[in-house]
């Protein structure tokens, strides 16, 4: 039986950081649920699952993570258009960083070679 990992230290720093961002986004969504009673976004919950799959070198999880990160970025950009707040601007920045980490050439090259 293969050992499952939450974070794979052998992956490039870009992928490790992307996995941490996926987990952080999901954790903040759950915290927001507890604090304000708002339902967490399905995209953020699925992003945590994609992060776990990326940590365990699953190609499908990497592609799902990219799609979910782009969807999250588009959603945050739409929120920025309507809300014009500093908090939403920070969300846009962190969503863009996540997309950049996942699409970084080092991340793409590593997943192309090593992911199953």
Protein backbone atom coordinates (compact mmCIF):
# COMPACT_ATOMS: atom_id res chain seq x y z
CA UNK A 1 0.00 0.00 0.00
CA UNK A 2 1.40 3.36 -1.02
CA UNK A 3 1.96 5.93 1.69
CA UNK A 4 -0.14 9.08 1.31
CA UNK A 5 1.44 12.47 1.93
CA UNK A 6 -0.03 15.86 2.73
CA UNK A 7 3.07 17.63 1.40
CA UNK A 8 5.78 16.03 -0.74
CA UNK A 9 9.19 17.50 0.08
CA UNK A 10 10.70 16.02 -3.09
CA UNK A 11 8.51 18.18 -5.34
CA UNK A 12 9.73 21.58 -6.58
CA UNK A 13 9.11 24.54 -4.33
CA UNK A 14 6.49 25.91 -6.71
CA UNK A 15 4.32 22.80 -6.36
CA UNK A 16 4.86 22.61 -2.60
CA UNK A 17 3.75 26.23 -2.28
CA UNK A 18 0.73 25.62 -4.51
CA UNK A 19 -0.34 22.68 -2.33
CA UNK A 20 -0.01 24.84 0.78
CA UNK A 21 -2.08 27.59 -0.87
CA UNK A 22 -4.78 25.04 -1.74
CA UNK A 23 -4.92 23.86 1.88
CA UNK A 24 -4.84 27.43 3.20
CA UNK A 25 -7.72 28.52 0.97
CA UNK A 26 -9.85 25.59 2.13
CA UNK A 27 -8.96 26.17 5.79
CA UNK A 28 -9.90 29.84 5.53
CA UNK A 29 -13.19 28.88 3.87
CA UNK A 30 -14.01 26.58 6.79
CA UNK A 31 -12.96 29.27 9.27
CA UNK A 32 -15.23 31.72 7.45
CA UNK A 33 -18.02 29.16 7.81
CA UNK A 34 -17.47 28.91 11.56
CA UNK A 35 -17.08 32.65 12.10
CA UNK A 36 -19.82 34.02 9.86
CA UNK A 37 -22.03 31.06 9.02
CA UNK A 38 -21.48 31.41 5.28
CA UNK A 39 -21.20 28.18 3.32
CA UNK A 40 -17.70 27.49 2.00
CA UNK A 41 -17.29 27.55 -1.73
CA UNK A 42 -17.34 24.14 -3.38
CA UNK A 43 -14.38 25.31 -5.47
CA UNK A 44 -12.28 25.83 -2.33
CA UNK A 45 -13.21 22.47 -0.85
CA UNK A 46 -12.37 20.72 -4.12
CA UNK A 47 -9.14 22.72 -4.29
CA UNK A 48 -8.03 21.12 -1.00
CA UNK A 49 -8.70 17.68 -2.50
CA UNK A 50 -6.72 18.67 -5.59
CA UNK A 51 -3.86 19.81 -3.35
CA UNK A 52 -3.83 16.41 -1.67
CA UNK A 53 -3.75 14.74 -5.08
CA UNK A 54 -0.92 16.99 -6.23
CA UNK A 55 1.06 16.11 -3.11
CA UNK A 56 0.58 12.44 -4.06
CA UNK A 57 1.63 13.06 -7.68
CA UNK A 58 -1.70 12.53 -9.43
CA UNK A 59 -1.88 14.08 -12.89
CA UNK A 60 -5.68 14.40 -12.81
CA UNK A 61 -5.45 16.28 -9.50
CA UNK A 62 -2.92 18.69 -11.01
CA UNK A 63 -5.20 19.48 -13.95
CA UNK A 64 -8.20 19.79 -11.64
CA UNK A 65 -6.19 22.11 -9.40
CA UNK A 66 -5.34 24.35 -12.34
CA UNK A 67 -8.96 24.51 -13.48
CA UNK A 68 -10.22 25.18 -9.95
CA UNK A 69 -7.57 27.85 -9.34
CA UNK A 70 -8.52 29.62 -12.57
CA UNK A 71 -12.24 29.41 -11.66
CA UNK A 72 -11.45 30.85 -8.23
CA UNK A 73 -9.43 33.67 -9.82
CA UNK A 74 -12.27 34.50 -12.22
CA UNK A 75 -14.75 34.51 -9.35
CA UNK A 76 -12.54 36.82 -7.30
CA UNK A 77 -12.09 39.16 -10.28
CA UNK A 78 -15.87 39.30 -10.66
CA UNK A 79 -16.22 40.07 -6.96
CA UNK A 80 -13.64 42.84 -7.31
CA UNK A 81 -15.64 44.44 -10.10
CA UNK A 82 -18.76 44.58 -7.93
CA UNK A 83 -17.37 45.13 -4.43
CA UNK A 84 -14.27 47.33 -4.82
CA UNK A 85 -12.77 46.43 -1.44
CA UNK A 86 -9.23 45.87 -0.25
CA UNK A 87 -10.08 42.39 1.07
CA UNK A 88 -11.29 41.26 -2.34
CA UNK A 89 -8.16 42.75 -3.90
CA UNK A 90 -6.04 40.58 -1.59
CA UNK A 91 -8.10 37.54 -2.57
CA UNK A 92 -7.45 38.31 -6.23
CA UNK A 93 -3.72 38.59 -5.53
CA UNK A 94 -3.56 35.25 -3.71
CA UNK A 95 -5.69 33.54 -6.36
CA UNK A 96 -3.35 34.88 -9.07
CA UNK A 97 -0.33 33.65 -7.11
CA UNK A 98 -1.86 30.17 -6.89
CA UNK A 99 -2.48 30.08 -10.64
CA UNK A 100 1.07 31.30 -11.28
CA UNK A 101 2.55 28.63 -9.00
CA UNK A 102 0.60 25.85 -10.68
CA UNK A 103 1.40 27.05 -14.21
CA UNK A 104 5.04 27.84 -13.50
CA UNK A 105 7.33 26.05 -15.99
CA UNK A 106 9.02 24.13 -13.16
CA UNK A 107 5.65 22.83 -11.91
CA UNK A 108 4.47 21.89 -15.40
CA UNK A 109 7.75 20.14 -16.21
CA UNK A 110 7.77 18.17 -12.95
CA UNK A 111 4.16 16.98 -13.31
CA UNK A 112 4.73 16.05 -16.96
CA UNK A 113 7.61 13.75 -15.98
CA UNK A 114 6.74 12.38 -12.52
CA UNK A 115 2.96 12.43 -12.06
CA UNK A 116 0.91 9.28 -12.71
